[in-house]
């Protein structure tokens, strides 16, 4: 028997959010747009000084790297 939480959060049940999150992670990983172990990857980047943690989020520490990644993503989006 699986544990399912039915505590409403912002009008959406947490069980539904977890399902959508899991499905999105699987789709992105299969499309090679996200690593399977994304949190381990981000924690490693944080230890190496590439990312900084601001509350519950990670941010790129270096502005030039962030700008280059954004520009590359924009080029890929235009060619798709």
N, C-alpha and C. Protein backbone atom coordinates (compact mmCIF):
# COMPACT_ATOMS: atom_id res chain seq x y z
N UNK A 1 0.85 -1.18 0.00
CA UNK A 1 0.00 0.00 0.00
C UNK A 1 0.89 1.24 0.00
N UNK A 2 0.71 2.09 -0.94
CA UNK A 2 1.53 3.29 -1.08
C UNK A 2 0.96 4.43 -0.24
N UNK A 3 1.85 5.25 0.29
CA UNK A 3 1.44 6.43 1.05
C UNK A 3 1.19 7.56 0.08
N UNK A 4 0.02 8.13 0.13
CA UNK A 4 -0.31 9.26 -0.73
C UNK A 4 -0.83 10.38 0.15
N UNK A 5 -0.25 11.55 -0.01
CA UNK A 5 -0.66 12.70 0.76
C UNK A 5 -1.73 13.47 0.00
N UNK A 6 -2.82 13.79 0.67
CA UNK A 6 -3.89 14.56 0.04
C UNK A 6 -4.07 15.91 0.71
N UNK A 7 -2.97 16.55 1.05
CA UNK A 7 -3.03 17.87 1.66
C UNK A 7 -3.09 18.90 0.54
N UNK A 8 -4.15 19.68 0.46
CA UNK A 8 -4.25 20.67 -0.61
C UNK A 8 -3.16 21.74 -0.48
N UNK A 9 -2.49 22.02 -1.56
CA UNK A 9 -1.47 23.05 -1.59
C UNK A 9 -1.78 23.94 -2.80
N UNK A 10 -2.23 25.12 -2.55
CA UNK A 10 -2.55 26.04 -3.63
C UNK A 10 -3.64 25.52 -4.55
N UNK A 11 -4.55 24.71 -4.03
CA UNK A 11 -5.65 24.21 -4.84
C UNK A 11 -5.33 22.93 -5.58
N UNK A 12 -4.09 22.45 -5.52
CA UNK A 12 -3.70 21.23 -6.22
C UNK A 12 -3.24 20.23 -5.16
N UNK A 13 -3.61 19.00 -5.31
CA UNK A 13 -3.20 17.99 -4.33
C UNK A 13 -1.72 17.67 -4.51
N UNK A 14 -1.02 17.48 -3.40
CA UNK A 14 0.42 17.22 -3.47
C UNK A 14 0.72 15.93 -4.21
N UNK A 15 -0.15 14.94 -4.14
CA UNK A 15 0.07 13.69 -4.86
C UNK A 15 0.07 13.94 -6.36
N UNK A 16 -0.80 14.81 -6.84
CA UNK A 16 -0.84 15.15 -8.26
C UNK A 16 0.42 15.89 -8.67
N UNK A 17 0.88 16.81 -7.83
CA UNK A 17 2.10 17.57 -8.15
C UNK A 17 3.29 16.63 -8.24
N UNK A 18 3.38 15.69 -7.31
CA UNK A 18 4.49 14.74 -7.33
C UNK A 18 4.46 13.91 -8.59
N UNK A 19 3.28 13.52 -9.01
CA UNK A 19 3.14 12.74 -10.25
C UNK A 19 3.58 13.52 -11.48
N UNK A 20 3.14 14.76 -11.56
CA UNK A 20 3.54 15.61 -12.69
C UNK A 20 5.04 15.87 -12.67
N UNK A 21 5.60 16.10 -11.49
CA UNK A 21 7.04 16.33 -11.37
C UNK A 21 7.81 15.11 -11.83
N UNK A 22 7.40 13.93 -11.39
CA UNK A 22 8.09 12.69 -11.79
C UNK A 22 7.99 12.47 -13.29
N UNK A 23 6.81 12.69 -13.85
CA UNK A 23 6.64 12.50 -15.30
C UNK A 23 7.49 13.49 -16.09
N UNK A 24 7.56 14.73 -15.63
CA UNK A 24 8.36 15.74 -16.31
C UNK A 24 9.84 15.40 -16.24
N UNK A 25 10.30 14.96 -15.07
CA UNK A 25 11.72 14.56 -14.92
C UNK A 25 12.07 13.43 -15.87
N UNK A 26 11.20 12.44 -15.98
CA UNK A 26 11.46 11.30 -16.86
C UNK A 26 11.51 11.75 -18.31
N UNK A 27 10.55 12.56 -18.74
CA UNK A 27 10.53 13.04 -20.12
C UNK A 27 11.78 13.86 -20.45
N UNK A 28 12.17 14.76 -19.56
CA UNK A 28 13.36 15.58 -19.80
C UNK A 28 14.63 14.74 -19.81
N UNK A 29 14.71 13.76 -18.95
CA UNK A 29 15.90 12.89 -18.92
C UNK A 29 15.98 12.05 -20.19
N UNK A 30 14.87 11.50 -20.64
CA UNK A 30 14.87 10.70 -21.86
C UNK A 30 15.21 11.54 -23.09
N UNK A 31 14.82 12.81 -23.08
CA UNK A 31 15.13 13.72 -24.19
C UNK A 31 16.53 14.30 -24.06
N UNK A 32 17.27 13.88 -23.02
CA UNK A 32 18.62 14.36 -22.74
C UNK A 32 18.67 15.87 -22.52
N UNK A 33 17.62 16.39 -21.88
CA UNK A 33 17.57 17.82 -21.56
C UNK A 33 17.77 18.05 -20.07
N UNK A 34 17.87 16.93 -19.31
CA UNK A 34 18.12 17.02 -17.87
C UNK A 34 18.76 15.70 -17.43
N UNK A 35 19.67 15.77 -16.48
CA UNK A 35 20.30 14.55 -15.97
C UNK A 35 19.32 13.76 -15.10
N UNK A 36 19.51 12.44 -15.06
CA UNK A 36 18.66 11.60 -14.22
C UNK A 36 18.79 12.00 -12.76
N UNK A 37 20.00 12.26 -12.30
CA UNK A 37 20.23 12.62 -10.91
C UNK A 37 20.55 14.11 -10.83
N UNK A 38 19.57 14.94 -11.10
CA UNK A 38 19.77 16.38 -11.21
C UNK A 38 20.25 16.99 -9.90
N UNK A 39 19.70 16.57 -8.76
CA UNK A 39 20.10 17.17 -7.49
C UNK A 39 21.55 16.83 -7.16
N UNK A 40 21.98 15.60 -7.44
CA UNK A 40 23.37 15.23 -7.20
C UNK A 40 24.29 16.08 -8.08
N UNK A 41 23.88 16.32 -9.32
CA UNK A 41 24.65 17.16 -10.24
C UNK A 41 24.77 18.59 -9.70
N UNK A 42 23.65 19.15 -9.23
CA UNK A 42 23.67 20.53 -8.72
C UNK A 42 24.45 20.64 -7.42
N UNK A 43 24.36 19.63 -6.55
CA UNK A 43 25.13 19.66 -5.30
C UNK A 43 26.63 19.58 -5.60
N UNK A 44 27.01 18.77 -6.60
CA UNK A 44 28.42 18.68 -6.98
C UNK A 44 28.90 20.02 -7.56
N UNK A 45 28.08 20.65 -8.41
CA UNK A 45 28.45 21.96 -8.97
C UNK A 45 28.55 23.01 -7.86
N UNK A 46 27.71 22.91 -6.85
CA UNK A 46 27.77 23.83 -5.72
C UNK A 46 29.07 23.64 -4.95
N UNK A 47 29.46 22.38 -4.69
CA UNK A 47 30.72 22.11 -3.99
C UNK A 47 31.92 22.63 -4.77
N UNK A 48 31.83 22.59 -6.11
CA UNK A 48 32.94 23.03 -6.96
C UNK A 48 32.95 24.54 -7.17
N UNK A 49 31.91 25.24 -6.72
CA UNK A 49 31.89 26.69 -6.81
C UNK A 49 31.25 27.25 -8.07
N UNK A 50 30.65 26.39 -8.88
CA UNK A 50 29.99 26.87 -10.11
C UNK A 50 28.62 27.45 -9.80
N UNK A 51 27.92 26.83 -8.84
CA UNK A 51 26.60 27.30 -8.43
C UNK A 51 26.67 27.82 -7.00
N UNK A 52 25.78 28.75 -6.67
CA UNK A 52 25.61 29.16 -5.28
C UNK A 52 24.17 28.87 -4.90
N UNK A 53 23.96 28.66 -3.63
CA UNK A 53 22.62 28.35 -3.18
C UNK A 53 22.00 29.58 -2.56
N UNK A 54 20.82 29.94 -3.03
CA UNK A 54 20.07 31.08 -2.50
C UNK A 54 18.72 30.54 -2.03
N UNK A 55 18.64 30.22 -0.76
CA UNK A 55 17.42 29.59 -0.24
C UNK A 55 17.31 28.18 -0.77
N UNK A 56 16.19 27.89 -1.43
CA UNK A 56 15.97 26.55 -1.96
C UNK A 56 16.38 26.44 -3.43
N UNK A 57 16.96 27.49 -3.98
CA UNK A 57 17.33 27.47 -5.40
C UNK A 57 18.84 27.56 -5.57
N UNK A 58 19.28 27.15 -6.75
CA UNK A 58 20.69 27.28 -7.12
C UNK A 58 20.80 28.35 -8.20
N UNK A 59 21.88 29.13 -8.15
CA UNK A 59 22.13 30.17 -9.15
C UNK A 59 23.56 30.02 -9.65
N UNK A 60 23.77 30.34 -10.95
CA UNK A 60 25.13 30.32 -11.47
C UNK A 60 25.91 31.45 -10.81
N UNK A 61 27.08 31.12 -10.35
CA UNK A 61 27.92 32.09 -9.66
C UNK A 61 28.52 33.10 -10.64
N UNK A 62 28.86 32.67 -11.84
CA UNK A 62 29.57 33.52 -12.79
C UNK A 62 28.61 34.05 -13.86
N UNK A 63 28.51 35.36 -13.97
CA UNK A 63 27.57 35.99 -14.90
C UNK A 63 27.87 35.63 -16.35
N UNK A 64 29.15 35.57 -16.74
CA UNK A 64 29.48 35.25 -18.14
C UNK A 64 29.04 33.85 -18.51
N UNK A 65 29.20 32.89 -17.60
CA UNK A 65 28.75 31.52 -17.87
C UNK A 65 27.23 31.50 -18.02
N UNK A 66 26.54 32.18 -17.12
CA UNK A 66 25.08 32.25 -17.20
C UNK A 66 24.64 32.86 -18.52
N UNK A 67 25.26 33.96 -18.94
CA UNK A 67 24.90 34.62 -20.19
C UNK A 67 25.17 33.72 -21.39
N UNK A 68 26.29 33.00 -21.36
CA UNK A 68 26.62 32.11 -22.48
C UNK A 68 25.62 30.96 -22.58
N UNK A 69 25.22 30.40 -21.45
CA UNK A 69 24.24 29.32 -21.46
C UNK A 69 22.88 29.80 -21.96
N UNK A 70 22.49 31.00 -21.57
CA UNK A 70 21.23 31.57 -22.05
C UNK A 70 21.29 31.80 -23.55
N UNK A 71 22.40 32.33 -24.05
CA UNK A 71 22.55 32.58 -25.48
C UNK A 71 22.52 31.27 -26.27
N UNK A 72 23.18 30.25 -25.75
CA UNK A 72 23.19 28.95 -26.43
C UNK A 72 21.80 28.34 -26.47
N UNK A 73 21.06 28.45 -25.38
CA UNK A 73 19.68 27.93 -25.35
C UNK A 73 18.81 28.69 -26.35
N UNK A 74 19.01 30.00 -26.47
CA UNK A 74 18.23 30.79 -27.43
C UNK A 74 18.55 30.38 -28.86
N UNK A 75 19.84 30.12 -29.16
CA UNK A 75 20.21 29.67 -30.51
C UNK A 75 19.57 28.31 -30.83
N UNK A 76 19.57 27.41 -29.87
CA UNK A 76 18.97 26.10 -30.08
C UNK A 76 17.46 26.23 -30.30
N UNK A 77 16.83 27.14 -29.56
CA UNK A 77 15.37 27.33 -29.70
C UNK A 77 15.04 27.90 -31.07
N UNK A 78 15.89 28.79 -31.59
CA UNK A 78 15.63 29.37 -32.91
C UNK A 78 15.79 28.34 -34.02
N UNK A 79 16.75 27.41 -33.86
CA UNK A 79 16.98 26.42 -34.91
C UNK A 79 16.00 25.27 -34.89
N UNK A 80 15.21 25.16 -33.81
CA UNK A 80 14.22 24.05 -33.70
C UNK A 80 12.96 24.37 -34.44
